[in-house]
């Protein structure tokens, strides 16, 4: 089963969570966006799959990756 990857990355007006190039949610803060991405990754694992949260810095470079399952 392929891993579902959720990115928490900055936008011009805040932060967003994306998966497969689609925006799933928008947030005012980095912390809120990271929380949503990690929850989505854990939810994917809870459904019997593989999940991953990729957390970006404000300069868009990857800061941390968290894998679930």
Protein backbone atom coordinates (compact mmCIF):
# COMPACT_ATOMS: atom_id res chain seq x y z
CA UNK A 1 0.00 0.00 0.00
CA UNK A 2 1.47 3.42 -0.89
CA UNK A 3 2.27 5.92 1.83
CA UNK A 4 -0.04 8.95 2.10
CA UNK A 5 2.14 12.06 2.43
CA UNK A 6 0.89 15.31 3.99
CA UNK A 7 2.98 18.49 3.64
CA UNK A 8 2.78 21.45 6.02
CA UNK A 9 4.17 24.41 4.05
CA UNK A 10 4.04 28.22 4.02
CA UNK A 11 1.88 30.35 1.73
CA UNK A 12 1.76 34.10 1.15
CA UNK A 13 -1.02 34.41 3.72
CA UNK A 14 -0.18 31.69 6.27
CA UNK A 15 0.28 27.92 6.12
CA UNK A 16 -1.38 25.01 4.34
CA UNK A 17 -1.56 21.23 4.41
CA UNK A 18 -1.36 19.51 1.03
CA UNK A 19 -1.44 15.94 -0.25
CA UNK A 20 -0.93 14.87 -3.86
CA UNK A 21 -0.75 18.53 -4.89
CA UNK A 22 -4.17 19.39 -3.45
CA UNK A 23 -4.68 21.79 -0.55
CA UNK A 24 -6.53 20.02 2.26
CA UNK A 25 -6.61 22.87 4.79
CA UNK A 26 -5.25 26.36 5.46
CA UNK A 27 -3.98 27.75 8.77
CA UNK A 28 -2.87 31.07 10.23
CA UNK A 29 0.09 29.54 12.08
CA UNK A 30 2.83 27.04 11.39
CA UNK A 31 1.94 25.16 14.57
CA UNK A 32 -1.67 24.70 13.47
CA UNK A 33 -0.61 23.48 10.05
CA UNK A 34 1.89 21.01 11.53
CA UNK A 35 -0.73 19.70 13.93
CA UNK A 36 -3.16 19.09 11.05
CA UNK A 37 -0.50 17.35 8.92
CA UNK A 38 0.56 15.01 11.75
CA UNK A 39 -3.07 14.20 12.59
CA UNK A 40 -3.71 13.35 8.93
CA UNK A 41 -0.66 11.07 8.90
CA UNK A 42 -1.78 9.31 12.06
CA UNK A 43 -5.31 8.98 10.69
CA UNK A 44 -3.95 7.26 7.58
CA UNK A 45 -2.11 4.79 9.83
CA UNK A 46 -5.20 4.21 11.97
CA UNK A 47 -7.11 3.20 8.83
CA UNK A 48 -4.56 0.45 8.22
CA UNK A 49 -2.31 2.32 5.81
CA UNK A 50 0.96 4.21 5.87
CA UNK A 51 1.13 7.93 6.62
CA UNK A 52 3.80 10.61 6.60
CA UNK A 53 3.92 14.26 7.66
CA UNK A 54 6.53 16.46 5.97
CA UNK A 55 7.05 19.69 7.92
CA UNK A 56 8.60 22.62 6.07
CA UNK A 57 10.36 25.74 7.37
CA UNK A 58 9.18 29.22 6.40
CA UNK A 59 11.84 29.17 3.64
CA UNK A 60 10.05 26.07 2.21
CA UNK A 61 12.92 23.67 2.96
CA UNK A 62 12.07 20.43 4.77
CA UNK A 63 12.60 20.71 8.51
CA UNK A 64 11.33 17.31 9.63
CA UNK A 65 9.66 14.14 8.34
CA UNK A 66 7.47 11.92 10.50
CA UNK A 67 6.45 8.46 9.29
CA UNK A 68 3.51 6.49 10.64
CA UNK A 69 2.93 2.79 10.12
